[in-house]
Amino acid sequence: EQGISKQKIVILALLIVPIRAMNFMRERTVASCFEFDLVRTVLRNFMDYVVALLKDVALGLVFLVMCLILVGLPAGVYTKGIFMAEFYRQHVKRS
């Protein structure tokens, strides 16, 4: 096959969507969704980005368990994406 496989597209989308969403929430413009420098930032700091993603997943799993005892639902709502926001602040933030 020529071109990019579907699996590679899905993996790339899963890696890029969170940082683009964070950028969109901060900038509040449609144009911010097309800032391709974010991809370079992610690739330059790939391990930090993966760690932030894994922390978000781990935190989600913790809150999922906590929801079973009706404690984590409010916490999950208010802290969703906190590690992605920290990654954004460290590597993308503009003055």
C-alpha atoms as a PDB file:
ATOM      1  CA  GLU A   1       0.000   0.000   0.000  1.00  0.00           C
ATOM      2  CA  GLN A   2       1.041   3.529  -0.643  1.00  0.00           C
ATOM      3  CA  GLY A   3       0.354   6.453   1.617  1.00  0.00           C
ATOM      4  CA  ILE A   4      -0.413   6.587   5.288  1.00  0.00           C
ATOM      5  CA  SER A   5      -2.294   3.698   6.850  1.00  0.00           C
ATOM      6  CA  LYS A   6      -5.484   4.234   8.827  1.00  0.00           C
ATOM      7  CA  GLN A   7      -3.771   3.134  12.025  1.00  0.00           C
ATOM      8  CA  LYS A   8      -1.073   5.791  11.638  1.00  0.00           C
ATOM      9  CA  ILE A   9      -3.698   8.461  11.020  1.00  0.00           C
ATOM     10  CA  VAL A  10      -5.603   7.431  14.154  1.00  0.00           C
ATOM     11  CA  ILE A  11      -2.426   7.438  16.260  1.00  0.00           C
ATOM     12  CA  LEU A  12      -1.404  10.840  14.903  1.00  0.00           C
ATOM     13  CA  ALA A  13      -4.879  12.233  15.572  1.00  0.00           C
ATOM     14  CA  LEU A  14      -4.861  10.905  19.143  1.00  0.00           C
ATOM     15  CA  LEU A  15      -1.504  12.565  19.729  1.00  0.00           C
ATOM     16  CA  ILE A  16      -2.305  15.920  18.128  1.00  0.00           C
ATOM     17  CA  VAL A  17      -5.967  16.505  19.058  1.00  0.00           C
ATOM     18  CA  PRO A  18      -5.383  17.200  22.780  1.00  0.00           C
ATOM     19  CA  ILE A  19      -2.817  19.979  22.201  1.00  0.00           C
ATOM     20  CA  ARG A  20      -4.927  21.534  19.441  1.00  0.00           C
ATOM     21  CA  ALA A  21      -7.964  21.481  21.729  1.00  0.00           C
ATOM     22  CA  MET A  22      -5.935  23.128  24.487  1.00  0.00           C
ATOM     23  CA  ASN A  23      -4.728  25.784  22.043  1.00  0.00           C
ATOM     24  CA  PHE A  24      -8.290  26.373  20.809  1.00  0.00           C
ATOM     25  CA  MET A  25      -9.557  26.798  24.383  1.00  0.00           C
ATOM     26  CA  ARG A  26      -6.870  29.371  25.081  1.00  0.00           C
ATOM     27  CA  GLU A  27      -6.961  31.327  21.815  1.00  0.00           C
ATOM     28  CA  ARG A  28     -10.709  30.977  21.123  1.00  0.00           C
ATOM     29  CA  THR A  29     -10.281  31.224  17.353  1.00  0.00           C
ATOM     30  CA  VAL A  30     -10.825  28.726  14.559  1.00  0.00           C
ATOM     31  CA  ALA A  31      -7.436  29.736  13.158  1.00  0.00           C
ATOM     32  CA  SER A  32      -5.794  28.362  16.309  1.00  0.00           C
ATOM     33  CA  CYS A  33      -6.863  24.862  15.208  1.00  0.00           C
ATOM     34  CA  PHE A  34      -4.593  25.216  12.171  1.00  0.00           C
ATOM     35  CA  GLU A  35      -1.393  26.301  13.920  1.00  0.00           C
ATOM     36  CA  PHE A  36       0.978  23.631  12.699  1.00  0.00           C
ATOM     37  CA  ASP A  37       3.818  24.846  14.942  1.00  0.00           C
ATOM     38  CA  LEU A  38       2.052  22.925  17.699  1.00  0.00           C
ATOM     39  CA  VAL A  39       2.947  19.673  15.948  1.00  0.00           C
ATOM     40  CA  ARG A  40       6.617  20.687  15.956  1.00  0.00           C
ATOM     41  CA  THR A  41       6.361  21.598  19.644  1.00  0.00           C
ATOM     42  CA  VAL A  42       4.908  18.179  20.404  1.00  0.00           C
ATOM     43  CA  LEU A  43       7.591  16.404  18.372  1.00  0.00           C
ATOM     44  CA  ARG A  44      10.410  18.440  19.982  1.00  0.00           C
ATOM     45  CA  ASN A  45       9.083  17.603  23.450  1.00  0.00           C
ATOM     46  CA  PHE A  46       7.636  14.220  22.613  1.00  0.00           C
ATOM     47  CA  MET A  47       8.483  12.422  25.847  1.00  0.00           C
ATOM     48  CA  ASP A  48       7.083  15.276  27.978  1.00  0.00           C
ATOM     49  CA  TYR A  49       3.937  15.197  25.848  1.00  0.00           C
ATOM     50  CA  VAL A  50       3.543  11.425  26.169  1.00  0.00           C
ATOM     51  CA  VAL A  51       4.048  11.690  29.927  1.00  0.00           C
ATOM     52  CA  ALA A  52       1.349  14.403  30.087  1.00  0.00           C
ATOM     53  CA  LEU A  53      -1.019  12.197  28.060  1.00  0.00           C
ATOM     54  CA  LEU A  54      -0.314   9.186  30.280  1.00  0.00           C
ATOM     55  CA  LYS A  55      -0.894  11.285  33.401  1.00  0.00           C
ATOM     56  CA  ASP A  56      -4.248  12.409  31.979  1.00  0.00           C
ATOM     57  CA  VAL A  57      -5.198   8.804  31.266  1.00  0.00           C
ATOM     58  CA  ALA A  58      -4.058   7.688  34.723  1.00  0.00           C
ATOM     59  CA  LEU A  59      -5.968  10.518  36.382  1.00  0.00           C
ATOM     60  CA  GLY A  60      -9.048   9.562  34.378  1.00  0.00           C
ATOM     61  CA  LEU A  61      -8.738   5.983  35.583  1.00  0.00           C
ATOM     62  CA  VAL A  62      -8.373   7.145  39.189  1.00  0.00           C
ATOM     63  CA  PHE A  63     -11.502   9.272  38.880  1.00  0.00           C
ATOM     64  CA  LEU A  64     -13.333   6.397  37.203  1.00  0.00           C
ATOM     65  CA  VAL A  65     -12.633   4.249  40.251  1.00  0.00           C
ATOM     66  CA  MET A  66     -13.566   7.120  42.558  1.00  0.00           C
ATOM     67  CA  CYS A  67     -16.863   7.571  40.712  1.00  0.00           C
ATOM     68  CA  LEU A  68     -17.822   4.133  41.918  1.00  0.00           C
ATOM     69  CA  ILE A  69     -17.994   5.610  45.399  1.00  0.00           C
ATOM     70  CA  LEU A  70     -19.560   8.909  44.201  1.00  0.00           C
ATOM     71  CA  VAL A  71     -16.628  11.102  45.144  1.00  0.00           C
ATOM     72  CA  GLY A  72     -14.738  11.544  41.905  1.00  0.00           C
ATOM     73  CA  LEU A  73     -17.469  12.894  39.631  1.00  0.00           C
ATOM     74  CA  PRO A  74     -17.098  16.547  40.676  1.00  0.00           C
ATOM     75  CA  ALA A  75     -13.298  16.229  40.833  1.00  0.00           C
ATOM     76  CA  GLY A  76     -13.201  14.724  37.346  1.00  0.00           C
ATOM     77  CA  VAL A  77     -15.269  17.562  35.923  1.00  0.00           C
ATOM     78  CA  TYR A  78     -13.083  20.290  37.436  1.00  0.00           C
ATOM     79  CA  THR A  79      -9.643  18.795  36.763  1.00  0.00           C
ATOM     80  CA  LYS A  80     -10.053  17.336  33.273  1.00  0.00           C
ATOM     81  CA  GLY A  81      -7.013  18.107  31.134  1.00  0.00           C
ATOM     82  CA  ILE A  82      -4.912  19.587  33.947  1.00  0.00           C
ATOM     83  CA  PHE A  83      -1.699  17.889  32.803  1.00  0.00           C
ATOM     84  CA  MET A  84      -2.291  18.886  29.177  1.00  0.00           C
ATOM     85  CA  ALA A  85      -2.785  22.467  30.374  1.00  0.00           C
ATOM     86  CA  GLU A  86       0.524  22.264  32.240  1.00  0.00           C
ATOM     87  CA  PHE A  87       2.299  20.935  29.121  1.00  0.00           C
ATOM     88  CA  TYR A  88       0.734  23.777  27.110  1.00  0.00           C
ATOM     89  CA  ARG A  89       1.875  26.343  29.695  1.00  0.00           C
ATOM     90  CA  GLN A  90       5.428  25.020  29.679  1.00  0.00           C
ATOM     91  CA  HIS A  91       5.950  24.581  25.957  1.00  0.00           C
ATOM     92  CA  VAL A  92       3.432  26.642  23.976  1.00  0.00           C
ATOM     93  CA  LYS A  93       2.391  29.617  26.111  1.00  0.00           C
ATOM     94  CA  ARG A  94       2.790  32.992  24.485  1.00  0.00           C
ATOM     95  CA  SER A  95       3.353  36.176  26.438  1.00  0.00           C
END
